[in-house]
Amino acid sequence: MGVLYFIALSEESTDRDSLSQTKQDLEIEESVGNEVQETEGEMRVLKPLSCLIPGAVKNVCLIILNRPLERSLVKHVWSCSLFKAVSDGAADKLLECMEDENEKFTPDLISGDFDSATKSVIDYYKQKSVKIIETPDQDETDFTKCLRIAIKETKSKEEVGQYVVIGCIGGRLDHQFANIETLYTALSLTTKPVFLISEGSAACLLRPGKTLIEVSTGLEDDWCGLIPVGQRCAHVSTTGLKWNLKDQALGFGELVSTSNTYTDDQVTVETDHPLLWTMGYRLK
């Protein structure tokens, strides 16, 4: 259905000459070590899949949530991580996933109310000198609490440029919405991006203003979307997509950009309110 929405808009919204000129006007200061950058025009630059290239960056704070884990995904993101935090029952999932390689995959901390982690697993990690933080407060999810702690623990680590969350997509729908809600909370906790990456899908919440998204790693699947979760976005403009928007509104019951795709290796998005960016990936 998303493609049909955009077919109706394509003649009005897709302007290749405008796209080319926009790219020429962008003056972007690149830095592999920092995922959030500002240009003179205050353009934010995001590289959502850089953490999936082993050794390409070393600036990730990894957060693991309580979902079945993909062994290859854990290895890819772990190799790019400076700090690793695990939320509650994800301690069990990590131990199960890495099996005979557990010695190489010991996190820095585990947090939660421990209603889903088994005592034997927590005791195992205690013996490995992993920091254990109990968070009994039920007003926030284990993800939100773990993110708060991870941000505090990495505050002095200037090298940390992004927070990557795995074990975060799939399963119960209410959990998915809770994870997206945490992205909204994160806007007030850190200026660094928080990426949800699992099961072939990645997502992040774009701040109001202009954002350039790099989609040139070779790991991108052929779909992407812009989802106005939380509130209607009255003014959204894009370049680099097959079905671009030109100062148009996105809102449920009105227009939602799903099943879009790329025409360039850089996508720009300008929005007046926070807007969820989604995209697919394929690990090699």
Protein backbone atom coordinates (compact mmCIF):
# COMPACT_ATOMS: atom_id res chain seq x y z
CA MET A 1 0.00 0.00 0.00
CA GLY A 2 2.86 2.37 0.70
CA VAL A 3 4.06 2.20 -2.89
CA LEU A 4 0.58 3.05 -4.15
CA TYR A 5 0.53 6.11 -1.91
CA PHE A 6 3.72 7.35 -3.46
CA ILE A 7 2.86 6.60 -7.07
CA ALA A 8 0.18 9.26 -6.74
CA LEU A 9 2.79 11.68 -5.47
CA SER A 10 5.73 10.78 -7.70
CA GLU A 11 5.16 13.33 -10.49
CA GLU A 12 4.88 16.12 -7.96
CA SER A 13 7.63 14.99 -5.60
CA THR A 14 10.42 13.45 -7.68
CA ASP A 15 12.70 16.04 -9.22
CA ARG A 16 16.08 14.62 -10.26
CA ASP A 17 17.55 18.03 -11.08
CA SER A 18 16.59 19.29 -7.64
CA LEU A 19 18.10 16.16 -6.06
CA SER A 20 21.39 16.69 -7.92
CA GLN A 21 21.56 20.34 -6.91
CA THR A 22 20.76 19.49 -3.29
CA LYS A 23 23.67 17.07 -3.18
CA GLN A 24 26.02 19.70 -4.60
CA ASP A 25 24.92 22.17 -1.93
CA LEU A 26 25.62 19.81 0.95
CA GLU A 27 28.95 20.44 2.68
CA ILE A 28 29.32 17.46 4.98
CA GLU A 29 32.22 17.00 7.36
CA GLU A 30 32.85 13.26 7.45
CA SER A 31 34.28 11.45 10.47
CA VAL A 32 34.29 7.66 10.91
CA GLY A 33 34.57 8.01 14.67
CA ASN A 34 31.42 10.05 15.18
CA GLU A 35 27.95 9.13 13.97
CA VAL A 36 26.39 12.53 14.66
CA GLN A 37 27.94 15.47 12.86
CA GLU A 38 26.91 19.02 12.12
CA THR A 39 27.71 21.00 8.98
CA GLU A 40 27.44 24.74 8.56
CA GLY A 41 23.81 24.20 7.59
CA GLU A 42 23.27 22.11 10.75
CA MET A 43 22.76 18.93 8.76
CA ARG A 44 22.89 15.85 10.97
CA VAL A 45 24.65 12.86 9.41
CA LEU A 46 23.70 9.29 10.31
CA LYS A 47 25.28 6.01 9.21
CA PRO A 48 22.82 3.43 10.56
CA LEU A 49 24.56 0.29 9.28
CA SER A 50 28.20 1.21 9.93
CA CYS A 51 28.17 -1.03 13.02
CA LEU A 52 27.46 -4.07 10.84
CA ILE A 53 30.86 -3.87 9.15
CA PRO A 54 33.35 -5.61 11.47
CA GLY A 55 36.09 -3.21 12.50
CA ALA A 56 34.77 -0.31 10.41
CA VAL A 57 34.07 1.79 13.50
CA LYS A 58 34.85 1.46 17.19
CA ASN A 59 32.38 3.89 18.71
CA VAL A 60 29.33 1.82 19.67
CA CYS A 61 27.65 1.36 23.00
CA LEU A 62 25.81 -1.93 22.51
CA ILE A 63 22.56 -2.69 24.35
CA ILE A 64 21.11 -6.20 24.17
CA LEU A 65 17.41 -6.82 24.89
CA ASN A 66 15.54 -9.99 25.80
CA ARG A 67 14.78 -11.53 22.41
CA PRO A 68 16.33 -14.50 20.58
CA LEU A 69 19.67 -13.28 19.23
CA GLU A 70 21.31 -13.72 15.84
CA ARG A 71 24.84 -15.00 16.42
CA SER A 72 26.27 -13.21 13.38
CA LEU A 73 24.62 -9.92 14.37
CA VAL A 74 26.02 -10.13 17.90
CA LYS A 75 29.52 -10.70 16.51
CA HIS A 76 29.33 -7.86 14.00
CA VAL A 77 28.12 -5.21 16.45
CA TRP A 78 30.26 -6.48 19.34
CA SER A 79 33.40 -5.98 17.25
CA CYS A 80 32.48 -2.30 16.87
CA SER A 81 31.58 -1.74 20.53
CA LEU A 82 33.43 0.06 23.30
CA PHE A 83 30.82 -0.76 25.95
CA LYS A 84 28.27 -3.57 26.19
CA ALA A 85 25.13 -3.50 28.34
CA VAL A 86 22.59 -6.30 28.72
CA SER A 87 18.99 -5.94 29.87
CA ASP A 88 17.62 -8.54 32.31
CA GLY A 89 16.68 -11.80 30.53
CA ALA A 90 18.94 -10.94 27.62
CA ALA A 91 21.74 -12.24 29.85
CA ASP A 92 20.32 -15.73 29.34
CA LYS A 93 19.85 -15.12 25.61
CA LEU A 94 23.47 -13.97 25.21
CA LEU A 95 24.83 -16.99 27.05
CA GLU A 96 22.70 -19.35 24.94
CA CYS A 97 23.55 -17.63 21.68
CA MET A 98 27.33 -17.53 22.01
CA GLU A 99 27.69 -21.03 23.52
CA ASP A 100 31.34 -22.14 23.28
CA GLU A 101 32.51 -18.54 22.68
CA ASN A 102 31.06 -17.08 25.86
CA GLU A 103 34.49 -16.11 27.20
CA LYS A 104 34.85 -13.65 24.31
CA PHE A 105 31.42 -12.12 24.85
CA THR A 106 31.28 -10.91 28.43
CA PRO A 107 29.30 -7.66 28.83
CA ASP A 108 30.31 -4.70 30.97
CA LEU A 109 27.00 -4.56 32.85
CA ILE A 110 23.63 -6.21 33.27
CA SER A 111 20.61 -4.28 34.53
CA GLY A 112 16.95 -5.04 35.21
CA ASP A 113 14.43 -6.06 37.81
CA PHE A 114 15.58 -9.63 37.10
CA ASP A 115 12.15 -11.11 36.68
CA SER A 116 13.27 -12.90 33.51
CA ALA A 117 16.99 -13.57 34.03
CA THR A 118 17.83 -16.83 35.79
CA LYS A 119 19.83 -16.62 39.01
CA SER A 120 22.46 -19.06 37.79
CA VAL A 121 23.18 -16.88 34.75
CA ILE A 122 23.47 -13.72 36.86
CA ASP A 123 25.78 -15.57 39.24
CA TYR A 124 27.88 -16.72 36.27
CA TYR A 125 28.37 -13.13 35.10
CA LYS A 126 29.06 -11.93 38.65
CA GLN A 127 31.99 -14.35 38.72
CA LYS A 128 33.20 -12.66 35.52
CA SER A 129 33.20 -9.30 37.37
CA VAL A 130 30.30 -7.97 35.32
CA LYS A 131 28.61 -4.99 36.94
CA ILE A 132 25.09 -5.96 38.06
CA ILE A 133 22.57 -3.13 38.60
CA GLU A 134 19.08 -3.90 39.90
CA THR A 135 16.34 -1.55 38.65
CA PRO A 136 13.06 -2.45 40.38
CA ASP A 137 11.19 0.66 39.17
CA GLN A 138 8.17 -0.46 37.11
CA ASP A 139 7.38 2.95 35.61
CA GLU A 140 9.84 2.34 32.76
CA THR A 141 10.72 -0.68 30.63
CA ASP A 142 13.93 -2.61 31.12
CA PHE A 143 15.14 -1.12 27.83
CA THR A 144 14.59 2.47 28.98
CA LYS A 145 16.27 1.81 32.31
CA CYS A 146 19.21 0.04 30.67
CA LEU A 147 19.63 2.87 28.17
CA ARG A 148 19.66 5.46 30.98
CA ILE A 149 22.38 3.50 32.78
CA ALA A 150 24.41 2.92 29.61
CA ILE A 151 24.35 6.64 28.79
CA LYS A 152 25.52 7.46 32.33
CA GLU A 153 28.24 4.80 32.26
CA THR A 154 29.59 6.03 28.91
CA LYS A 155 29.32 9.75 29.61
CA SER A 156 33.08 10.04 30.07
CA LYS A 157 33.80 7.96 26.96
CA GLU A 158 34.02 10.60 24.27
CA GLU A 159 34.68 7.92 21.65
CA VAL A 160 31.13 6.59 21.98
CA GLY A 161 29.21 8.02 19.04
CA GLN A 162 26.11 5.83 18.86
CA TYR A 163 23.92 3.46 20.85
CA VAL A 164 22.99 0.27 19.01
CA VAL A 165 20.23 -1.95 20.33
CA ILE A 166 19.80 -5.58 19.26
CA GLY A 167 17.22 -8.16 20.30
CA CYS A 168 14.71 -5.36 19.88
CA ILE A 169 12.53 -6.25 16.89
CA GLY A 170 10.04 -9.10 16.61
CA GLY A 171 7.71 -10.80 19.06
CA ARG A 172 4.95 -8.96 20.90
CA LEU A 173 3.58 -5.84 19.21
CA ASP A 174 3.21 -3.95 22.49
CA HIS A 175 6.92 -4.52 23.14
CA GLN A 176 7.71 -3.05 19.72
CA PHE A 177 5.78 0.11 20.52
CA ALA A 178 7.47 0.29 23.94
CA ASN A 179 10.87 0.15 22.23
CA ILE A 180 9.88 2.95 19.85
CA GLU A 181 8.63 4.99 22.81
CA THR A 182 12.09 4.62 24.36
CA LEU A 183 13.53 6.27 21.24
CA TYR A 184 11.43 9.31 22.08
CA THR A 185 12.71 9.26 25.66
CA ALA A 186 16.26 9.02 24.32
CA LEU A 187 15.90 12.39 22.59
CA SER A 188 16.08 14.05 26.01
CA LEU A 189 18.86 11.78 27.32
CA THR A 190 21.53 12.06 24.61
CA THR A 191 22.34 13.91 21.41
CA LYS A 192 23.83 10.71 19.98
CA PRO A 193 21.70 8.45 17.79
CA VAL A 194 20.02 5.31 19.08
CA PHE A 195 19.59 2.60 16.44
CA LEU A 196 17.32 -0.43 16.72
CA ILE A 197 18.79 -3.27 14.63
CA SER A 198 17.47 -6.83 14.52
CA GLU A 199 16.00 -9.48 12.23
CA GLY A 200 16.71 -7.64 8.98
CA SER A 201 15.22 -4.32 10.07
CA ALA A 202 16.80 -1.15 11.43
CA ALA A 203 15.16 1.99 12.81
CA CYS A 204 16.03 5.30 14.41
CA LEU A 205 14.11 8.42 15.37
CA LEU A 206 15.05 11.46 13.32
CA ARG A 207 15.10 14.75 15.19
CA PRO A 208 13.34 17.81 13.79
CA GLY A 209 15.47 19.57 11.20
CA LYS A 210 17.68 18.19 8.44
CA THR A 211 19.29 14.75 8.46
CA LEU A 212 21.50 13.06 5.88
CA ILE A 213 21.41 9.25 6.01
CA GLU A 214 24.27 7.30 4.47
CA VAL A 215 23.02 4.16 2.68
CA SER A 216 26.21 3.09 0.93
CA THR A 217 27.58 0.19 3.02
CA GLY A 218 26.40 -2.48 0.58
CA LEU A 219 24.39 -4.09 3.39
CA GLU A 220 21.20 -2.15 2.69
CA ASP A 221 18.12 -4.08 1.62
CA ASP A 222 16.01 -2.41 -1.05
CA TRP A 223 13.27 -1.01 1.22
CA CYS A 224 12.94 1.90 3.62
CA GLY A 225 10.21 3.99 5.18
CA LEU A 226 9.31 7.11 7.16
CA ILE A 227 6.71 6.48 9.87
CA PRO A 228 5.07 9.39 11.75
CA VAL A 229 4.75 7.56 15.07
CA GLY A 230 3.83 9.81 17.99
CA GLN A 231 2.38 12.73 16.10
CA ARG A 232 1.64 14.06 12.65
CA CYS A 233 4.54 15.64 10.76
CA ALA A 234 3.16 18.61 8.82
CA HIS A 235 6.24 19.42 6.74
CA VAL A 236 8.48 16.64 5.41
CA SER A 237 10.86 16.89 2.46
CA THR A 238 13.23 14.20 1.15
CA THR A 239 15.80 13.53 -1.53
CA GLY A 240 17.43 10.28 -2.61
CA LEU A 241 14.22 8.19 -2.51
CA LYS A 242 12.22 6.75 -5.38
CA TRP A 243 9.10 8.48 -4.07
CA ASN A 244 10.22 11.75 -2.52
CA LEU A 245 8.24 14.17 -0.43
CA LYS A 246 8.25 17.90 -1.05
CA ASP A 247 7.03 19.82 2.01
CA GLN A 248 4.23 17.30 2.52
CA ALA A 249 2.48 15.94 5.60
CA LEU A 250 2.85 12.44 7.04
CA GLY A 251 0.25 11.09 9.45
CA PHE A 252 -1.80 7.99 10.17
CA GLY A 253 -5.07 8.10 8.28
CA GLU A 254 -3.41 10.50 5.86
CA LEU A 255 -0.07 9.36 4.39
CA VAL A 256 2.64 6.99 5.59
CA SER A 257 5.80 6.22 3.63
CA THR A 258 6.29 2.45 3.53
CA SER A 259 7.89 0.25 0.85
CA ASN A 260 9.95 3.15 -0.44
CA THR A 261 13.41 2.59 -1.93
CA TYR A 262 16.61 4.42 -2.88
CA THR A 263 17.79 6.30 -5.96
CA ASP A 264 21.06 7.42 -4.36
CA ASP A 265 23.56 6.36 -1.70
CA GLN A 266 22.56 9.36 0.43
CA VAL A 267 19.07 10.21 1.62
CA THR A 268 18.14 13.59 3.09
CA VAL A 269 15.11 14.11 5.30
CA GLU A 270 13.81 17.40 6.65
CA THR A 271 10.98 17.22 9.17
CA ASP A 272 9.23 19.53 11.62
CA HIS A 273 8.65 16.79 14.24
CA PRO A 274 10.42 13.56 15.26
CA LEU A 275 10.02 10.97 12.50
CA LEU A 276 10.82 7.26 12.56
CA TRP A 277 13.23 6.12 9.84
CA THR A 278 13.11 2.41 8.98
CA MET A 279 15.23 0.38 6.58
CA GLY A 280 16.19 -3.18 5.76
CA TYR A 281 19.64 -4.77 5.93
CA ARG A 282 21.30 -8.00 4.84
CA LEU A 283 24.32 -9.32 6.69
CA LYS A 284 27.09 -10.80 4.56
